[in-house]
Amino acid sequence: MNSKSILALAATTLISFAASAQQMPMPMQTPAAPMQMPGQPMQMPTALMPGQAMPAQQAAAPIPTKGEVTRINEATGQITLRHEPIANLDMGGMNMVFRAADPAMLQAVKVGDQVIFEAARVEGQITILKMTKAAP
């Protein structure tokens, strides 16, 4: 058998396999059933759609976090902080831009200030709810 015959045989086999695969029904996949403990109400798992906020009772309460002001943009109501991990947002320490819930907060600090702030996800945006200068 020469190489052209082998290629022709391989192509025929692939074409017939593909044709038969299109006719085969796909097996149904069923989700795993949630575990239920005797005497406990059944709790169904929930999922959030992209952009959907967590219900208030599930959202973690804001936790005071340390940061340093690296940039202020009063025109857009934003502040950039180099911050420690933000536990309630499950976010590591980094340098990032936040929206200020109250633009007056931006006038109380300047670049280089050490601050203590509380942030939460508000309408899909990470927002600083409270911010004060840290004690020196």
C-alpha atoms as a PDB file:
ATOM      1  CA  MET A   1       0.000   0.000   0.000  1.00  0.00           C
ATOM      2  CA  ASN A   2       1.472   3.360  -0.992  1.00  0.00           C
ATOM      3  CA  SER A   3       1.139   6.644   0.887  1.00  0.00           C
ATOM      4  CA  LYS A   4      -1.707   7.909  -1.363  1.00  0.00           C
ATOM      5  CA  SER A   5      -3.746   4.799  -0.592  1.00  0.00           C
ATOM      6  CA  ILE A   6      -3.138   5.176   3.131  1.00  0.00           C
ATOM      7  CA  LEU A   7      -4.202   8.842   3.031  1.00  0.00           C
ATOM      8  CA  ALA A   8      -7.321   7.987   1.028  1.00  0.00           C
ATOM      9  CA  LEU A   9      -8.251   5.216   3.484  1.00  0.00           C
ATOM     10  CA  ALA A  10      -7.685   7.532   6.477  1.00  0.00           C
ATOM     11  CA  ALA A  11      -9.814  10.286   4.900  1.00  0.00           C
ATOM     12  CA  THR A  12     -12.642   7.831   4.143  1.00  0.00           C
ATOM     13  CA  THR A  13     -12.549   6.505   7.711  1.00  0.00           C
ATOM     14  CA  LEU A  14     -12.669  10.031   9.181  1.00  0.00           C
ATOM     15  CA  ILE A  15     -15.562  11.054   6.925  1.00  0.00           C
ATOM     16  CA  SER A  16     -17.624   7.980   7.809  1.00  0.00           C
ATOM     17  CA  PHE A  17     -16.866   8.439  11.530  1.00  0.00           C
ATOM     18  CA  ALA A  18     -17.918  12.098  11.387  1.00  0.00           C
ATOM     19  CA  ALA A  19     -21.136  11.215   9.574  1.00  0.00           C
ATOM     20  CA  SER A  20     -22.052   8.533  12.122  1.00  0.00           C
ATOM     21  CA  ALA A  21     -21.206  10.846  15.040  1.00  0.00           C
ATOM     22  CA  GLN A  22     -23.664  13.446  13.744  1.00  0.00           C
ATOM     23  CA  GLN A  23     -26.452  10.857  13.816  1.00  0.00           C
ATOM     24  CA  MET A  24     -25.712   9.648  17.350  1.00  0.00           C
ATOM     25  CA  PRO A  25     -27.752  11.287  20.106  1.00  0.00           C
ATOM     26  CA  MET A  26     -25.715  13.076  22.754  1.00  0.00           C
ATOM     27  CA  PRO A  27     -26.112  11.699  26.281  1.00  0.00           C
ATOM     28  CA  MET A  28     -28.031  13.993  28.624  1.00  0.00           C
ATOM     29  CA  GLN A  29     -26.110  15.433  31.495  1.00  0.00           C
ATOM     30  CA  THR A  30     -27.975  15.838  34.723  1.00  0.00           C
ATOM     31  CA  PRO A  31     -26.826  18.196  37.448  1.00  0.00           C
ATOM     32  CA  ALA A  32     -25.729  16.679  40.726  1.00  0.00           C
ATOM     33  CA  ALA A  33     -28.497  16.628  43.280  1.00  0.00           C
ATOM     34  CA  PRO A  34     -27.911  18.834  46.308  1.00  0.00           C
ATOM     35  CA  MET A  35     -27.321  16.989  49.576  1.00  0.00           C
ATOM     36  CA  GLN A  36     -30.130  17.161  52.050  1.00  0.00           C
ATOM     37  CA  MET A  37     -29.691  16.382  55.702  1.00  0.00           C
ATOM     38  CA  PRO A  38     -32.642  14.770  57.481  1.00  0.00           C
ATOM     39  CA  GLY A  39     -34.818  17.363  59.171  1.00  0.00           C
ATOM     40  CA  GLN A  40     -33.159  20.281  57.321  1.00  0.00           C
ATOM     41  CA  PRO A  41     -34.833  22.390  54.625  1.00  0.00           C
ATOM     42  CA  MET A  42     -33.521  21.703  51.134  1.00  0.00           C
ATOM     43  CA  GLN A  43     -31.226  24.420  49.837  1.00  0.00           C
ATOM     44  CA  MET A  44     -30.772  24.742  46.106  1.00  0.00           C
ATOM     45  CA  PRO A  45     -27.478  26.100  44.738  1.00  0.00           C
ATOM     46  CA  THR A  46     -27.680  29.520  43.154  1.00  0.00           C
ATOM     47  CA  ALA A  47     -25.518  31.188  40.550  1.00  0.00           C
ATOM     48  CA  LEU A  48     -25.069  34.835  39.674  1.00  0.00           C
ATOM     49  CA  MET A  49     -25.175  36.080  36.121  1.00  0.00           C
ATOM     50  CA  PRO A  50     -22.336  38.376  34.981  1.00  0.00           C
ATOM     51  CA  GLY A  51     -22.924  41.862  36.382  1.00  0.00           C
ATOM     52  CA  GLN A  52     -25.469  40.615  38.922  1.00  0.00           C
ATOM     53  CA  ALA A  53     -24.769  41.660  42.512  1.00  0.00           C
ATOM     54  CA  MET A  54     -24.900  39.295  45.453  1.00  0.00           C
ATOM     55  CA  PRO A  55     -28.031  39.612  47.570  1.00  0.00           C
ATOM     56  CA  ALA A  56     -27.489  41.846  50.590  1.00  0.00           C
ATOM     57  CA  GLN A  57     -27.731  38.982  53.084  1.00  0.00           C
ATOM     58  CA  GLN A  58     -24.858  37.123  51.341  1.00  0.00           C
ATOM     59  CA  ALA A  59     -22.495  40.064  50.779  1.00  0.00           C
ATOM     60  CA  ALA A  60     -19.645  40.314  53.269  1.00  0.00           C
ATOM     61  CA  ALA A  61     -19.583  43.435  55.411  1.00  0.00           C
ATOM     62  CA  PRO A  62     -16.871  45.963  54.498  1.00  0.00           C
ATOM     63  CA  ILE A  63     -13.676  45.615  56.535  1.00  0.00           C
ATOM     64  CA  PRO A  64     -11.305  48.522  57.309  1.00  0.00           C
ATOM     65  CA  THR A  65      -8.263  48.217  55.025  1.00  0.00           C
ATOM     66  CA  LYS A  66      -4.995  50.170  54.855  1.00  0.00           C
ATOM     67  CA  GLY A  67      -3.886  51.919  51.685  1.00  0.00           C
ATOM     68  CA  GLU A  68      -1.803  54.748  50.251  1.00  0.00           C
ATOM     69  CA  VAL A  69      -3.221  57.386  47.908  1.00  0.00           C
ATOM     70  CA  THR A  70      -1.335  57.330  44.586  1.00  0.00           C
ATOM     71  CA  ARG A  71      -3.697  59.431  42.413  1.00  0.00           C
ATOM     72  CA  ILE A  72      -6.864  61.503  42.773  1.00  0.00           C
ATOM     73  CA  ASN A  73      -9.221  62.437  39.932  1.00  0.00           C
ATOM     74  CA  GLU A  74     -11.923  64.723  41.340  1.00  0.00           C
ATOM     75  CA  ALA A  75     -13.456  65.230  37.868  1.00  0.00           C
ATOM     76  CA  THR A  76     -14.375  61.525  37.623  1.00  0.00           C
ATOM     77  CA  GLY A  77     -14.855  60.936  41.360  1.00  0.00           C
ATOM     78  CA  GLN A  78     -12.092  58.315  41.398  1.00  0.00           C
ATOM     79  CA  ILE A  79      -9.081  57.641  43.579  1.00  0.00           C
ATOM     80  CA  THR A  80      -6.178  55.249  43.046  1.00  0.00           C
ATOM     81  CA  LEU A  81      -4.884  53.413  46.102  1.00  0.00           C
ATOM     82  CA  ARG A  82      -2.026  50.993  46.706  1.00  0.00           C
ATOM     83  CA  HIS A  83      -3.842  48.794  49.208  1.00  0.00           C
ATOM     84  CA  GLU A  84      -3.490  45.718  51.377  1.00  0.00           C
ATOM     85  CA  PRO A  85      -5.749  42.688  50.690  1.00  0.00           C
ATOM     86  CA  ILE A  86      -9.460  43.511  50.886  1.00  0.00           C
ATOM     87  CA  ALA A  87     -10.933  40.481  52.658  1.00  0.00           C
ATOM     88  CA  ASN A  88     -14.638  41.183  52.057  1.00  0.00           C
ATOM     89  CA  LEU A  89     -13.993  41.437  48.288  1.00  0.00           C
ATOM     90  CA  ASP A  90     -11.616  38.440  48.240  1.00  0.00           C
ATOM     91  CA  MET A  91      -9.010  40.665  46.585  1.00  0.00           C
ATOM     92  CA  GLY A  92      -5.265  40.675  47.061  1.00  0.00           C
ATOM     93  CA  GLY A  93      -3.197  43.774  47.670  1.00  0.00           C
ATOM     94  CA  MET A  94      -2.561  45.874  44.572  1.00  0.00           C
ATOM     95  CA  ASN A  95      -2.644  49.365  43.077  1.00  0.00           C
ATOM     96  CA  MET A  96      -6.127  50.077  41.702  1.00  0.00           C
ATOM     97  CA  VAL A  97      -8.716  52.734  40.916  1.00  0.00           C
ATOM     98  CA  PHE A  98     -11.830  53.018  43.105  1.00  0.00           C
ATOM     99  CA  ARG A  99     -15.000  55.037  42.723  1.00  0.00           C
ATOM    100  CA  ALA A 100     -15.712  57.289  45.722  1.00  0.00           C
ATOM    101  CA  ALA A 101     -19.251  56.990  47.096  1.00  0.00           C
ATOM    102  CA  ASP A 102     -18.967  60.611  48.253  1.00  0.00           C
ATOM    103  CA  PRO A 103     -16.737  62.897  46.114  1.00  0.00           C
ATOM    104  CA  ALA A 104     -16.057  65.032  49.249  1.00  0.00           C
ATOM    105  CA  MET A 105     -13.821  62.173  50.482  1.00  0.00           C
ATOM    106  CA  LEU A 106     -11.379  63.015  47.678  1.00  0.00           C
ATOM    107  CA  GLN A 107     -10.869  66.551  48.976  1.00  0.00           C
ATOM    108  CA  ALA A 108      -9.881  65.303  52.443  1.00  0.00           C
ATOM    109  CA  VAL A 109      -6.753  63.451  51.223  1.00  0.00           C
ATOM    110  CA  LYS A 110      -3.744  64.046  48.982  1.00  0.00           C
ATOM    111  CA  VAL A 111      -1.307  61.861  47.059  1.00  0.00           C
ATOM    112  CA  GLY A 112       1.019  60.084  49.482  1.00  0.00           C
ATOM    113  CA  ASP A 113      -1.467  60.006  52.388  1.00  0.00           C
ATOM    114  CA  GLN A 114      -1.884  56.743  54.292  1.00  0.00           C
ATOM    115  CA  VAL A 115      -5.583  55.953  54.660  1.00  0.00           C
ATOM    116  CA  ILE A 116      -7.957  53.467  56.238  1.00  0.00           C
ATOM    117  CA  PHE A 117     -10.902  52.719  53.950  1.00  0.00           C
ATOM    118  CA  GLU A 118     -13.885  50.425  53.545  1.00  0.00           C
ATOM    119  CA  ALA A 119     -14.848  49.256  50.076  1.00  0.00           C
ATOM    120  CA  ALA A 120     -17.709  47.209  48.669  1.00  0.00           C
ATOM    121  CA  ARG A 121     -19.208  46.324  45.317  1.00  0.00           C
ATOM    122  CA  VAL A 122     -21.959  48.880  44.575  1.00  0.00           C
ATOM    123  CA  GLU A 123     -23.931  48.512  41.342  1.00  0.00           C
ATOM    124  CA  GLY A 124     -21.121  46.379  39.914  1.00  0.00           C
ATOM    125  CA  GLN A 125     -18.329  48.853  40.754  1.00  0.00           C
ATOM    126  CA  ILE A 126     -15.867  48.594  43.604  1.00  0.00           C
ATOM    127  CA  THR A 127     -16.583  51.703  45.638  1.00  0.00           C
ATOM    128  CA  ILE A 128     -15.008  53.317  48.679  1.00  0.00           C
ATOM    129  CA  LEU A 129     -17.757  53.799  51.253  1.00  0.00           C
ATOM    130  CA  LYS A 130     -15.637  55.340  54.061  1.00  0.00           C
ATOM    131  CA  MET A 131     -12.095  56.704  54.119  1.00  0.00           C
ATOM    132  CA  THR A 132     -10.032  58.479  56.778  1.00  0.00           C
ATOM    133  CA  LYS A 133      -6.382  59.415  57.070  1.00  0.00           C
ATOM    134  CA  ALA A 134      -4.410  56.831  59.026  1.00  0.00           C
ATOM    135  CA  ALA A 135      -2.740  57.923  62.234  1.00  0.00           C
ATOM    136  CA  PRO A 136       0.976  58.644  61.628  1.00  0.00           C
END
